[in-house]
Amino acid sequence: MARNEWTSPPQPVSTSDGAHHGFYTVDKGMIRVSYKDHSKVTQLGGSAAAPEGLARMILSELVREVPTSF
């Protein structure tokens, strides 16, 4: 398996206001959140039982960091 392949299927996630949408995957205690062409990876830690909340927080960070195109 290639290094950047994750075993779980992508799950949809949106910001709390529903304005932005991305996807997250979970594998071996790690979570990756993707938004547009950008992604962030971090450890699940205490969020392993409910990764969607962490994914929503990371998505909000990505929305602020990713430049908008006009």
PDB file of N, CA and C in Angstrom:
ATOM      1  N   MET A   1       0.848  -1.182   0.000  1.00  0.00           N
ATOM      2  CA  MET A   1       0.000   0.000   0.000  1.00  0.00           C
ATOM      3  C   MET A   1       0.894   1.245   0.000  1.00  0.00           C
ATOM      4  N   ALA A   2       0.541   2.192  -0.799  1.00  0.00           N
ATOM      5  CA  ALA A   2       1.301   3.441  -0.875  1.00  0.00           C
ATOM      6  C   ALA A   2       1.208   4.183   0.455  1.00  0.00           C
ATOM      7  N   ARG A   3       2.186   4.982   0.732  1.00  0.00           N
ATOM      8  CA  ARG A   3       2.275   5.685   2.000  1.00  0.00           C
ATOM      9  C   ARG A   3       1.122   6.651   2.250  1.00  0.00           C
ATOM     10  N   ASN A   4       0.567   7.246   1.215  1.00  0.00           N
ATOM     11  CA  ASN A   4      -0.477   8.248   1.403  1.00  0.00           C
ATOM     12  C   ASN A   4      -1.889   7.678   1.302  1.00  0.00           C
ATOM     13  N   GLU A   5      -2.040   6.348   1.225  1.00  0.00           N
ATOM     14  CA  GLU A   5      -3.367   5.747   1.155  1.00  0.00           C
ATOM     15  C   GLU A   5      -3.863   5.444   2.560  1.00  0.00           C
ATOM     16  N   TRP A   6      -5.123   5.757   2.803  1.00  0.00           N
ATOM     17  CA  TRP A   6      -5.747   5.496   4.092  1.00  0.00           C
ATOM     18  C   TRP A   6      -6.762   4.399   3.899  1.00  0.00           C
ATOM     19  N   THR A   7      -6.952   3.563   4.915  1.00  0.00           N
ATOM     20  CA  THR A   7      -7.814   2.398   4.764  1.00  0.00           C
ATOM     21  C   THR A   7      -9.293   2.710   4.953  1.00  0.00           C
ATOM     22  N   SER A   8      -9.652   3.752   5.695  1.00  0.00           N
ATOM     23  CA  SER A   8     -11.070   4.043   5.900  1.00  0.00           C
ATOM     24  C   SER A   8     -11.615   4.878   4.741  1.00  0.00           C
ATOM     25  N   PRO A   9     -12.881   4.690   4.404  1.00  0.00           N
ATOM     26  CA  PRO A   9     -13.466   5.502   3.332  1.00  0.00           C
ATOM     27  C   PRO A   9     -13.647   6.945   3.806  1.00  0.00           C
ATOM     28  N   PRO A  10     -13.549   7.911   2.913  1.00  0.00           N
ATOM     29  CA  PRO A  10     -13.755   9.313   3.293  1.00  0.00           C
ATOM     30  C   PRO A  10     -15.172   9.537   3.819  1.00  0.00           C
ATOM     31  N   GLN A  11     -15.266  10.295   4.898  1.00  0.00           N
ATOM     32  CA  GLN A  11     -16.552  10.648   5.493  1.00  0.00           C
ATOM     33  C   GLN A  11     -16.779  12.141   5.295  1.00  0.00           C
ATOM     34  N   PRO A  12     -17.977  12.551   4.925  1.00  0.00           N
ATOM     35  CA  PRO A  12     -18.232  13.991   4.750  1.00  0.00           C
ATOM     36  C   PRO A  12     -18.254  14.707   6.100  1.00  0.00           C
ATOM     37  N   VAL A  13     -17.805  15.957   6.090  1.00  0.00           N
ATOM     38  CA  VAL A  13     -17.842  16.805   7.276  1.00  0.00           C
ATOM     39  C   VAL A  13     -18.090  18.231   6.809  1.00  0.00           C
ATOM     40  N   SER A  14     -18.787  19.001   7.627  1.00  0.00           N
ATOM     41  CA  SER A  14     -19.014  20.410   7.297  1.00  0.00           C
ATOM     42  C   SER A  14     -18.774  21.258   8.528  1.00  0.00           C
ATOM     43  N   THR A  15     -18.516  22.536   8.297  1.00  0.00           N
ATOM     44  CA  THR A  15     -18.336  23.457   9.413  1.00  0.00           C
ATOM     45  C   THR A  15     -19.659  23.568  10.162  1.00  0.00           C
ATOM     46  N   SER A  16     -19.605  24.048  11.396  1.00  0.00           N
ATOM     47  CA  SER A  16     -20.811  24.090  12.225  1.00  0.00           C
ATOM     48  C   SER A  16     -21.926  24.928  11.602  1.00  0.00           C
ATOM     49  N   ASP A  17     -21.563  25.919  10.778  1.00  0.00           N
ATOM     50  CA  ASP A  17     -22.597  26.730  10.116  1.00  0.00           C
ATOM     51  C   ASP A  17     -23.037  26.128   8.780  1.00  0.00           C
ATOM     52  N   GLY A  18     -22.403  25.030   8.370  1.00  0.00           N
ATOM     53  CA  GLY A  18     -22.775  24.354   7.136  1.00  0.00           C
ATOM     54  C   GLY A  18     -22.299  25.020   5.864  1.00  0.00           C
ATOM     55  N   ALA A  19     -21.493  26.053   5.987  1.00  0.00           N
ATOM     56  CA  ALA A  19     -21.064  26.819   4.813  1.00  0.00           C
ATOM     57  C   ALA A  19     -19.935  26.149   4.024  1.00  0.00           C
ATOM     58  N   HIS A  20     -19.132  25.326   4.683  1.00  0.00           N
ATOM     59  CA  HIS A  20     -17.978  24.712   4.026  1.00  0.00           C
ATOM     60  C   HIS A  20     -18.014  23.207   4.259  1.00  0.00           C
ATOM     61  N   HIS A  21     -17.588  22.468   3.229  1.00  0.00           N
ATOM     62  CA  HIS A  21     -17.669  21.014   3.279  1.00  0.00           C
ATOM     63  C   HIS A  21     -16.334  20.407   2.899  1.00  0.00           C
ATOM     64  N   GLY A  22     -15.996  19.328   3.567  1.00  0.00           N
ATOM     65  CA  GLY A  22     -14.778  18.594   3.273  1.00  0.00           C
ATOM     66  C   GLY A  22     -14.998  17.123   3.589  1.00  0.00           C
ATOM     67  N   PHE A  23     -13.900  16.399   3.750  1.00  0.00           N
ATOM     68  CA  PHE A  23     -13.950  14.978   4.049  1.00  0.00           C
ATOM     69  C   PHE A  23     -12.887  14.647   5.080  1.00  0.00           C
ATOM     70  N   TYR A  24     -13.133  13.592   5.859  1.00  0.00           N
ATOM     71  CA  TYR A  24     -12.116  13.119   6.778  1.00  0.00           C
ATOM     72  C   TYR A  24     -11.995  11.611   6.684  1.00  0.00           C
ATOM     73  N   THR A  25     -10.798  11.115   6.964  1.00  0.00           N
ATOM     74  CA  THR A  25     -10.534   9.691   7.034  1.00  0.00           C
ATOM     75  C   THR A  25      -9.799   9.415   8.332  1.00  0.00           C
ATOM     76  N   VAL A  26      -9.980   8.228   8.854  1.00  0.00           N
ATOM     77  CA  VAL A  26      -9.358   7.819  10.107  1.00  0.00           C
ATOM     78  C   VAL A  26      -8.591   6.535   9.849  1.00  0.00           C
ATOM     79  N   ASP A  27      -7.378   6.445  10.375  1.00  0.00           N
ATOM     80  CA  ASP A  27      -6.576   5.235  10.219  1.00  0.00           C
ATOM     81  C   ASP A  27      -5.502   5.184  11.289  1.00  0.00           C
ATOM     82  N   LYS A  28      -5.454   4.095  12.009  1.00  0.00           N
ATOM     83  CA  LYS A  28      -4.394   3.830  12.991  1.00  0.00           C
ATOM     84  C   LYS A  28      -4.195   4.985  13.963  1.00  0.00           C
ATOM     85  N   GLY A  29      -5.275   5.498  14.516  1.00  0.00           N
ATOM     86  CA  GLY A  29      -5.182   6.554  15.513  1.00  0.00           C
ATOM     87  C   GLY A  29      -4.908   7.940  14.968  1.00  0.00           C
ATOM     88  N   MET A  30      -4.970   8.095  13.655  1.00  0.00           N
ATOM     89  CA  MET A  30      -4.735   9.389  13.020  1.00  0.00           C
ATOM     90  C   MET A  30      -5.996   9.806  12.256  1.00  0.00           C
ATOM     91  N   ILE A  31      -6.163  11.110  12.097  1.00  0.00           N
ATOM     92  CA  ILE A  31      -7.279  11.638  11.317  1.00  0.00           C
ATOM     93  C   ILE A  31      -6.720  12.620  10.291  1.00  0.00           C
ATOM     94  N   ARG A  32      -7.236  12.524   9.075  1.00  0.00           N
ATOM     95  CA  ARG A  32      -6.848  13.468   8.023  1.00  0.00           C
ATOM     96  C   ARG A  32      -8.116  14.152   7.524  1.00  0.00           C
ATOM     97  N   VAL A  33      -8.097  15.470   7.501  1.00  0.00           N
ATOM     98  CA  VAL A  33      -9.228  16.253   7.021  1.00  0.00           C
ATOM     99  C   VAL A  33      -8.800  16.951   5.734  1.00  0.00           C
ATOM    100  N   SER A  34      -9.619  16.835   4.707  1.00  0.00           N
ATOM    101  CA  SER A  34      -9.318  17.428   3.408  1.00  0.00           C
ATOM    102  C   SER A  34     -10.355  18.485   3.061  1.00  0.00           C
ATOM    103  N   TYR A  35      -9.856  19.601   2.512  1.00  0.00           N
ATOM    104  CA  TYR A  35     -10.707  20.703   2.077  1.00  0.00           C
ATOM    105  C   TYR A  35     -10.072  21.305   0.844  1.00  0.00           C
ATOM    106  N   LYS A  36     -10.812  21.321  -0.240  1.00  0.00           N
ATOM    107  CA  LYS A  36     -10.270  21.743  -1.539  1.00  0.00           C
ATOM    108  C   LYS A  36      -9.041  20.894  -1.822  1.00  0.00           C
ATOM    109  N   ASP A  37      -7.892  21.479  -2.117  1.00  0.00           N
ATOM    110  CA  ASP A  37      -6.680  20.706  -2.401  1.00  0.00           C
ATOM    111  C   ASP A  37      -5.744  20.654  -1.205  1.00  0.00           C
ATOM    112  N   HIS A  38      -6.233  20.907  -0.008  1.00  0.00           N
ATOM    113  CA  HIS A  38      -5.406  20.962   1.193  1.00  0.00           C
ATOM    114  C   HIS A  38      -5.881  19.933   2.211  1.00  0.00           C
ATOM    115  N   SER A  39      -4.964  19.528   3.080  1.00  0.00           N
ATOM    116  CA  SER A  39      -5.354  18.588   4.126  1.00  0.00           C
ATOM    117  C   SER A  39      -4.473  18.792   5.354  1.00  0.00           C
ATOM    118  N   LYS A  40      -4.977  18.321   6.483  1.00  0.00           N
ATOM    119  CA  LYS A  40      -4.256  18.344   7.750  1.00  0.00           C
ATOM    120  C   LYS A  40      -4.397  16.976   8.384  1.00  0.00           C
ATOM    121  N   VAL A  41      -3.319  16.530   9.023  1.00  0.00           N
ATOM    122  CA  VAL A  41      -3.305  15.243   9.705  1.00  0.00           C
ATOM    123  C   VAL A  41      -2.915  15.474  11.155  1.00  0.00           C
ATOM    124  N   THR A  42      -3.603  14.786  12.069  1.00  0.00           N
ATOM    125  CA  THR A  42      -3.263  14.864  13.483  1.00  0.00           C
ATOM    126  C   THR A  42      -3.680  13.571  14.164  1.00  0.00           C
ATOM    127  N   GLN A  43      -3.228  13.389  15.398  1.00  0.00           N
ATOM    128  CA  GLN A  43      -3.631  12.219  16.176  1.00  0.00           C
ATOM    129  C   GLN A  43      -5.048  12.401  16.699  1.00  0.00           C
ATOM    130  N   LEU A  44      -5.774  11.306  16.756  1.00  0.00           N
ATOM    131  CA  LEU A  44      -7.127  11.352  17.292  1.00  0.00           C
ATOM    132  C   LEU A  44      -7.141  11.567  18.796  1.00  0.00           C
ATOM    133  N   GLY A  45      -6.245  10.934  19.508  1.00  0.00           N
ATOM    134  CA  GLY A  45      -6.205  11.088  20.959  1.00  0.00           C
ATOM    135  C   GLY A  45      -7.532  10.710  21.590  1.00  0.00           C
ATOM    136  N   GLY A  46      -8.076  11.571  22.449  1.00  0.00           N
ATOM    137  CA  GLY A  46      -9.325  11.314  23.137  1.00  0.00           C
ATOM    138  C   GLY A  46     -10.548  11.398  22.248  1.00  0.00           C
ATOM    139  N   SER A  47     -10.373  11.774  20.988  1.00  0.00           N
ATOM    140  CA  SER A  47     -11.508  11.899  20.066  1.00  0.00           C
ATOM    141  C   SER A  47     -11.742  10.634  19.246  1.00  0.00           C
ATOM    142  N   ALA A  48     -11.070   9.541  19.606  1.00  0.00           N
ATOM    143  CA  ALA A  48     -11.159   8.324  18.808  1.00  0.00           C
ATOM    144  C   ALA A  48     -12.586   7.788  18.716  1.00  0.00           C
ATOM    145  N   ALA A  49     -13.371   7.961  19.759  1.00  0.00           N
ATOM    146  CA  ALA A  49     -14.734   7.441  19.743  1.00  0.00           C
ATOM    147  C   ALA A  49     -15.679   8.318  18.923  1.00  0.00           C
ATOM    148  N   ALA A  50     -15.359   9.588  18.767  1.00  0.00           N
ATOM    149  CA  ALA A  50     -16.219  10.528  18.028  1.00  0.00           C
ATOM    150  C   ALA A  50     -15.356  11.464  17.187  1.00  0.00           C
ATOM    151  N   PRO A  51     -14.799  10.967  16.085  1.00  0.00           N
ATOM    152  CA  PRO A  51     -13.868  11.781  15.301  1.00  0.00           C
ATOM    153  C   PRO A  51     -14.509  12.950  14.556  1.00  0.00           C
ATOM    154  N   GLU A  52     -15.827  12.943  14.369  1.00  0.00           N
ATOM    155  CA  GLU A  52     -16.450  14.001  13.568  1.00  0.00           C
ATOM    156  C   GLU A  52     -16.280  15.381  14.203  1.00  0.00           C
ATOM    157  N   GLY A  53     -16.346  15.476  15.518  1.00  0.00           N
ATOM    158  CA  GLY A  53     -16.158  16.769  16.184  1.00  0.00           C
ATOM    159  C   GLY A  53     -14.769  17.333  15.935  1.00  0.00           C
ATOM    160  N   LEU A  54     -13.744  16.470  16.033  1.00  0.00           N
ATOM    161  CA  LEU A  54     -12.379  16.901  15.751  1.00  0.00           C
ATOM    162  C   LEU A  54     -12.246  17.276  14.282  1.00  0.00           C
ATOM    163  N   ALA A  55     -12.850  16.482  13.397  1.00  0.00           N
ATOM    164  CA  ALA A  55     -12.797  16.779  11.960  1.00  0.00           C
ATOM    165  C   ALA A  55     -13.417  18.145  11.677  1.00  0.00           C
ATOM    166  N   ARG A  56     -14.505  18.474  12.351  1.00  0.00           N
ATOM    167  CA  ARG A  56     -15.169  19.771  12.153  1.00  0.00           C
ATOM    168  C   ARG A  56     -14.250  20.922  12.591  1.00  0.00           C
ATOM    169  N   MET A  57     -13.564  20.732  13.709  1.00  0.00           N
ATOM    170  CA  MET A  57     -12.634  21.777  14.178  1.00  0.00           C
ATOM    171  C   MET A  57     -11.471  21.958  13.200  1.00  0.00           C
ATOM    172  N   ILE A  58     -10.920  20.855  12.719  1.00  0.00           N
ATOM    173  CA  ILE A  58      -9.801  20.938  11.773  1.00  0.00           C
ATOM    174  C   ILE A  58     -10.272  21.561  10.462  1.00  0.00           C
ATOM    175  N   LEU A  59     -11.467  21.210  10.012  1.00  0.00           N
ATOM    176  CA  LEU A  59     -12.005  21.816   8.794  1.00  0.00           C
ATOM    177  C   LEU A  59     -12.116  23.328   8.954  1.00  0.00           C
ATOM    178  N   SER A  60     -12.575  23.779  10.095  1.00  0.00           N
ATOM    179  CA  SER A  60     -12.672  25.224  10.341  1.00  0.00           C
ATOM    180  C   SER A  60     -11.306  25.887  10.241  1.00  0.00           C
ATOM    181  N   GLU A  61     -10.270  25.223  10.758  1.00  0.00           N
ATOM    182  CA  GLU A  61      -8.900  25.754  10.632  1.00  0.00           C
ATOM    183  C   GLU A  61      -8.496  25.833   9.173  1.00  0.00           C
ATOM    184  N   LEU A  62      -8.758  24.767   8.421  1.00  0.00           N
ATOM    185  CA  LEU A  62      -8.388  24.754   7.000  1.00  0.00           C
ATOM    186  C   LEU A  62      -9.096  25.861   6.235  1.00  0.00           C
ATOM    187  N   VAL A  63     -10.359  26.098   6.528  1.00  0.00           N
ATOM    188  CA  VAL A  63     -11.115  27.147   5.836  1.00  0.00           C
ATOM    189  C   VAL A  63     -10.440  28.491   6.037  1.00  0.00           C
ATOM    190  N   ARG A  64      -9.951  28.754   7.242  1.00  0.00           N
ATOM    191  CA  ARG A  64      -9.269  30.035   7.517  1.00  0.00           C
ATOM    192  C   ARG A  64      -7.911  30.123   6.827  1.00  0.00           C
ATOM    193  N   GLU A  65      -7.241  28.973   6.660  1.00  0.00           N
ATOM    194  CA  GLU A  65      -5.882  28.975   6.112  1.00  0.00           C
ATOM    195  C   GLU A  65      -5.841  28.934   4.588  1.00  0.00           C
ATOM    196  N   VAL A  66      -6.819  28.323   3.958  1.00  0.00           N
ATOM    197  CA  VAL A  66      -6.807  28.142   2.503  1.00  0.00           C
ATOM    198  C   VAL A  66      -7.273  29.432   1.854  1.00  0.00           C
ATOM    199  N   PRO A  67      -6.461  29.973   0.949  1.00  0.00           N
ATOM    200  CA  PRO A  67      -6.871  31.199   0.259  1.00  0.00           C
ATOM    201  C   PRO A  67      -8.073  30.942  -0.642  1.00  0.00           C
ATOM    202  N   THR A  68      -8.961  31.899  -0.705  1.00  0.00           N
ATOM    203  CA  THR A  68     -10.111  31.778  -1.591  1.00  0.00           C
ATOM    204  C   THR A  68      -9.716  32.299  -2.968  1.00  0.00           C
ATOM    205  N   SER A  69     -10.240  31.660  -3.997  1.00  0.00           N
ATOM    206  CA  SER A  69      -9.933  32.107  -5.358  1.00  0.00           C
ATOM    207  C   SER A  69     -11.147  32.840  -5.919  1.00  0.00           C
ATOM    208  N   PHE A  70     -10.879  33.866  -6.685  1.00  0.00           N
ATOM    209  CA  PHE A  70     -11.944  34.672  -7.271  1.00  0.00           C
ATOM    210  C   PHE A  70     -11.946  34.527  -8.761  1.00  0.00           C
TER     211      PHE A  70
END
